PDB file of N, CA and C in Angstrom:
ATOM      1  N   MET A   1      -3.442   2.074 -17.705  1.00  0.00           N
ATOM      2  CA  MET A   1      -3.241   3.297 -16.957  1.00  0.00           C
ATOM      3  C   MET A   1      -1.812   3.256 -16.591  1.00  0.00           C
ATOM      4  N   SER A   2      -1.077   4.346 -16.833  1.00  0.00           N
ATOM      5  CA  SER A   2       0.441   4.505 -16.474  1.00  0.00           C
ATOM      6  C   SER A   2       0.504   5.380 -15.214  1.00  0.00           C
ATOM      7  N   ILE A   3       1.123   4.846 -14.180  1.00  0.00           N
ATOM      8  CA  ILE A   3       1.378   5.782 -13.045  1.00  0.00           C
ATOM      9  C   ILE A   3       2.886   5.602 -12.719  1.00  0.00           C
ATOM     10  N   GLU A   4       3.373   6.615 -11.845  1.00  0.00           N
ATOM     11  CA  GLU A   4       4.772   6.335 -11.292  1.00  0.00           C
ATOM     12  C   GLU A   4       4.745   5.172 -10.387  1.00  0.00           C
ATOM     13  N   ASN A   5       5.658   4.319 -10.374  1.00  0.00           N
ATOM     14  CA  ASN A   5       5.664   3.150  -9.395  1.00  0.00           C
ATOM     15  C   ASN A   5       6.427   3.240  -8.211  1.00  0.00           C
ATOM     16  N   GLU A   6       6.860   4.585  -7.886  1.00  0.00           N
ATOM     17  CA  GLU A   6       7.592   4.737  -6.651  1.00  0.00           C
ATOM     18  C   GLU A   6       7.262   6.079  -5.974  1.00  0.00           C
ATOM     19  N   GLU A   7       7.097   6.052  -4.658  1.00  0.00           N
ATOM     20  CA  GLU A   7       6.749   7.223  -3.909  1.00  0.00           C
ATOM     21  C   GLU A   7       7.360   7.208  -2.605  1.00  0.00           C
ATOM     22  N   LEU A   8       7.873   8.295  -2.079  1.00  0.00           N
ATOM     23  CA  LEU A   8       8.484   8.429  -0.802  1.00  0.00           C
ATOM     24  C   LEU A   8       7.495   8.726   0.363  1.00  0.00           C
ATOM     25  N   VAL A   9       7.280   7.961   1.273  1.00  0.00           N
ATOM     26  CA  VAL A   9       6.342   8.263   2.435  1.00  0.00           C
ATOM     27  C   VAL A   9       7.053   8.014   3.715  1.00  0.00           C
ATOM     28  N   LYS A  10       6.449   8.635   4.830  1.00  0.00           N
ATOM     29  CA  LYS A  10       7.126   8.681   6.061  1.00  0.00           C
ATOM     30  C   LYS A  10       6.357   7.787   6.956  1.00  0.00           C
ATOM     31  N   ILE A  11       7.061   6.999   7.843  1.00  0.00           N
ATOM     32  CA  ILE A  11       6.502   6.195   8.841  1.00  0.00           C
ATOM     33  C   ILE A  11       6.250   7.116  10.011  1.00  0.00           C
ATOM     34  N   THR A  12       4.851   6.989  10.667  1.00  0.00           N
ATOM     35  CA  THR A  12       4.492   7.812  11.826  1.00  0.00           C
ATOM     36  C   THR A  12       5.107   7.267  13.037  1.00  0.00           C
ATOM     37  N   SER A  13       4.892   7.985  14.135  1.00  0.00           N
ATOM     38  CA  SER A  13       5.408   7.457  15.372  1.00  0.00           C
ATOM     39  C   SER A  13       4.644   6.231  15.881  1.00  0.00           C
ATOM     40  N   GLY A  14       3.390   6.075  15.291  1.00  0.00           N
ATOM     41  CA  GLY A  14       2.706   4.882  15.644  1.00  0.00           C
ATOM     42  C   GLY A  14       2.890   3.618  14.682  1.00  0.00           C
ATOM     43  N   GLY A  15       3.908   3.938  13.706  1.00  0.00           N
ATOM     44  CA  GLY A  15       4.180   2.828  12.782  1.00  0.00           C
ATOM     45  C   GLY A  15       3.401   2.710  11.526  1.00  0.00           C
ATOM     46  N   THR A  16       2.648   3.679  11.331  1.00  0.00           N
ATOM     47  CA  THR A  16       1.653   3.549   9.997  1.00  0.00           C
ATOM     48  C   THR A  16       2.227   4.327   8.952  1.00  0.00           C
ATOM     49  N   VAL A  17       1.859   3.770   7.660  1.00  0.00           N
ATOM     50  CA  VAL A  17       2.395   4.383   6.557  1.00  0.00           C
ATOM     51  C   VAL A  17       1.083   4.535   5.586  1.00  0.00           C
ATOM     52  N   SER A  18       1.078   5.692   5.002  1.00  0.00           N
ATOM     53  CA  SER A  18       0.004   6.025   4.094  1.00  0.00           C
ATOM     54  C   SER A  18       0.232   5.447   2.625  1.00  0.00           C
ATOM     55  N   ILE A  19      -0.720   4.820   1.979  1.00  0.00           N
ATOM     56  CA  ILE A  19      -0.624   4.478   0.657  1.00  0.00           C
ATOM     57  C   ILE A  19      -1.018   5.587  -0.260  1.00  0.00           C
ATOM     58  N   PRO A  20      -0.144   5.999  -1.095  1.00  0.00           N
ATOM     59  CA  PRO A  20      -0.311   7.329  -1.931  1.00  0.00           C
ATOM     60  C   PRO A  20      -1.665   7.125  -2.860  1.00  0.00           C
ATOM     61  N   LYS A  21      -2.346   8.231  -2.865  1.00  0.00           N
ATOM     62  CA  LYS A  21      -3.676   8.340  -3.629  1.00  0.00           C
ATOM     63  C   LYS A  21      -3.598   7.597  -5.017  1.00  0.00           C
ATOM     64  N   GLN A  22      -2.558   7.901  -5.737  1.00  0.00           N
ATOM     65  CA  GLN A  22      -2.618   7.344  -7.129  1.00  0.00           C
ATOM     66  C   GLN A  22      -2.502   5.925  -7.147  1.00  0.00           C
ATOM     67  N   PHE A  23      -1.888   5.158  -6.004  1.00  0.00           N
ATOM     68  CA  PHE A  23      -1.749   3.710  -5.920  1.00  0.00           C
ATOM     69  C   PHE A  23      -3.140   3.243  -5.510  1.00  0.00           C
ATOM     70  N   ARG A  24      -3.783   3.871  -4.683  1.00  0.00           N
ATOM     71  CA  ARG A  24      -4.993   3.395  -4.137  1.00  0.00           C
ATOM     72  C   ARG A  24      -6.055   3.549  -5.248  1.00  0.00           C
ATOM     73  N   LYS A  25      -5.931   4.509  -6.050  1.00  0.00           N
ATOM     74  CA  LYS A  25      -6.938   4.674  -7.138  1.00  0.00           C
ATOM     75  C   LYS A  25      -6.657   3.646  -8.146  1.00  0.00           C
ATOM     76  N   TYR A  26      -5.498   3.448  -8.516  1.00  0.00           N
ATOM     77  CA  TYR A  26      -5.095   2.459  -9.523  1.00  0.00           C
ATOM     78  C   TYR A  26      -5.484   1.025  -9.009  1.00  0.00           C
ATOM     79  N   LEU A  27      -5.409   0.620  -7.838  1.00  0.00           N
ATOM     80  CA  LEU A  27      -5.778  -0.631  -7.305  1.00  0.00           C
ATOM     81  C   LEU A  27      -7.282  -0.688  -6.888  1.00  0.00           C
ATOM     82  N   GLU A  28      -7.959   0.397  -7.038  1.00  0.00           N
ATOM     83  CA  GLU A  28      -9.378   0.531  -6.607  1.00  0.00           C
ATOM     84  C   GLU A  28      -9.549   0.208  -5.146  1.00  0.00           C
ATOM     85  N   MET A  29      -8.761   0.876  -4.295  1.00  0.00           N
ATOM     86  CA  MET A  29      -8.754   0.569  -2.892  1.00  0.00           C
ATOM     87  C   MET A  29      -9.462   1.630  -2.292  1.00  0.00           C
ATOM     88  N   GLN A  30     -10.211   1.356  -1.158  1.00  0.00           N
ATOM     89  CA  GLN A  30     -10.973   2.414  -0.465  1.00  0.00           C
ATOM     90  C   GLN A  30     -10.703   2.178   1.067  1.00  0.00           C
ATOM     91  N   LYS A  31     -11.160   3.325   1.769  1.00  0.00           N
ATOM     92  CA  LYS A  31     -11.143   3.194   3.275  1.00  0.00           C
ATOM     93  C   LYS A  31     -11.850   2.048   3.774  1.00  0.00           C
ATOM     94  N   GLY A  32     -11.237   1.219   4.596  1.00  0.00           N
ATOM     95  CA  GLY A  32     -11.748   0.000   5.214  1.00  0.00           C
ATOM     96  C   GLY A  32     -11.241  -1.252   4.557  1.00  0.00           C
ATOM     97  N   ASP A  33     -10.638  -1.076   3.307  1.00  0.00           N
ATOM     98  CA  ASP A  33     -10.124  -2.249   2.675  1.00  0.00           C
ATOM     99  C   ASP A  33      -8.951  -2.862   3.443  1.00  0.00           C
ATOM    100  N   TYR A  34      -8.599  -4.064   3.204  1.00  0.00           N
ATOM    101  CA  TYR A  34      -7.464  -4.949   3.820  1.00  0.00           C
ATOM    102  C   TYR A  34      -6.388  -4.987   2.863  1.00  0.00           C
ATOM    103  N   VAL A  35      -5.107  -4.993   3.405  1.00  0.00           N
ATOM    104  CA  VAL A  35      -3.977  -5.329   2.597  1.00  0.00           C
ATOM    105  C   VAL A  35      -3.206  -6.485   3.219  1.00  0.00           C
ATOM    106  N   LYS A  36      -2.460  -7.231   2.571  1.00  0.00           N
ATOM    107  CA  LYS A  36      -1.429  -8.252   3.148  1.00  0.00           C
ATOM    108  C   LYS A  36      -0.129  -7.617   3.186  1.00  0.00           C
ATOM    109  N   ILE A  37       0.669  -7.820   4.052  1.00  0.00           N
ATOM    110  CA  ILE A  37       2.181  -7.348   4.096  1.00  0.00           C
ATOM    111  C   ILE A  37       2.961  -8.466   4.209  1.00  0.00           C
ATOM    112  N   LEU A  38       3.942  -8.662   3.169  1.00  0.00           N
ATOM    113  CA  LEU A  38       4.762  -9.721   3.311  1.00  0.00           C
ATOM    114  C   LEU A  38       6.266  -9.310   3.294  1.00  0.00           C
ATOM    115  N   LEU A  39       7.138  -9.950   4.015  1.00  0.00           N
ATOM    116  CA  LEU A  39       8.579  -9.627   4.159  1.00  0.00           C
ATOM    117  C   LEU A  39       9.253 -10.648   3.208  1.00  0.00           C
ATOM    118  N   GLU A  40       9.981 -10.008   2.156  1.00  0.00           N
ATOM    119  CA  GLU A  40      10.637 -10.654   1.207  1.00  0.00           C
ATOM    120  C   GLU A  40      12.060 -10.232   1.233  1.00  0.00           C
ATOM    121  N   GLY A  41      12.981 -10.942   1.875  1.00  0.00           N
ATOM    122  CA  GLY A  41      14.359 -10.557   2.056  1.00  0.00           C
ATOM    123  C   GLY A  41      14.412  -9.321   2.838  1.00  0.00           C
ATOM    124  N   ASP A  42      14.954  -8.193   2.232  1.00  0.00           N
ATOM    125  CA  ASP A  42      15.180  -6.975   2.874  1.00  0.00           C
ATOM    126  C   ASP A  42      14.065  -5.888   2.447  1.00  0.00           C
ATOM    127  N   HIS A  43      12.905  -6.243   1.931  1.00  0.00           N
ATOM    128  CA  HIS A  43      11.849  -5.352   1.646  1.00  0.00           C
ATOM    129  C   HIS A  43      10.548  -5.874   1.925  1.00  0.00           C
ATOM    130  N   LEU A  44       9.558  -5.040   2.005  1.00  0.00           N
ATOM    131  CA  LEU A  44       8.101  -5.272   2.232  1.00  0.00           C
ATOM    132  C   LEU A  44       7.344  -5.282   0.982  1.00  0.00           C
ATOM    133  N   VAL A  45       6.357  -6.127   0.889  1.00  0.00           N
ATOM    134  CA  VAL A  45       5.420  -6.260  -0.300  1.00  0.00           C
ATOM    135  C   VAL A  45       4.149  -5.981   0.220  1.00  0.00           C
ATOM    136  N   ILE A  46       3.336  -5.077  -0.202  1.00  0.00           N
ATOM    137  CA  ILE A  46       1.963  -4.866   0.199  1.00  0.00           C
ATOM    138  C   ILE A  46       1.099  -5.336  -0.892  1.00  0.00           C
ATOM    139  N   LYS A  47       0.112  -6.189  -0.602  1.00  0.00           N
ATOM    140  CA  LYS A  47      -0.880  -6.631  -1.706  1.00  0.00           C
ATOM    141  C   LYS A  47      -2.300  -6.316  -1.268  1.00  0.00           C
ATOM    142  N   LYS A  48      -3.166  -5.965  -2.184  1.00  0.00           N
ATOM    143  CA  LYS A  48      -4.564  -5.842  -1.996  1.00  0.00           C
ATOM    144  C   LYS A  48      -5.132  -7.193  -1.565  1.00  0.00           C
ATOM    145  N   ALA A  49      -5.939  -7.206  -0.438  1.00  0.00           N
ATOM    146  CA  ALA A  49      -6.416  -8.443   0.058  1.00  0.00           C
ATOM    147  C   ALA A  49      -7.911  -8.432  -0.301  1.00  0.00           C
ATOM    148  N   ILE A  50      -8.481  -9.648  -0.703  1.00  0.00           N
ATOM    149  CA  ILE A  50      -9.880  -9.742  -1.004  1.00  0.00           C
ATOM    150  C   ILE A  50     -10.392 -10.577   0.148  1.00  0.00           C
ATOM    151  N   ILE A  51     -11.339 -10.061   1.000  1.00  0.00           N
ATOM    152  CA  ILE A  51     -11.969 -10.665   2.114  1.00  0.00           C
ATOM    153  C   ILE A  51     -13.438 -10.953   1.597  1.00  0.00           C
ATOM    154  N   SER A  52     -13.870 -12.229   1.649  1.00  0.00           N
ATOM    155  CA  SER A  52     -15.196 -12.607   1.258  1.00  0.00           C
ATOM    156  C   SER A  52     -16.020 -13.104   2.395  1.00  0.00           C
TER     157      SER A  52
END
């Protein structure tokens, strides 16, 4: 599956960021799933987390 790998999103006043629909669909993510957020230098990396 080919998708655009970049999307501009806005941080809310509460500090939340929405993951674009095409990314959630590609990674098979649903409401209630968890992600890991890592700080690497000057950027953030968001990874799908598997909770067993």
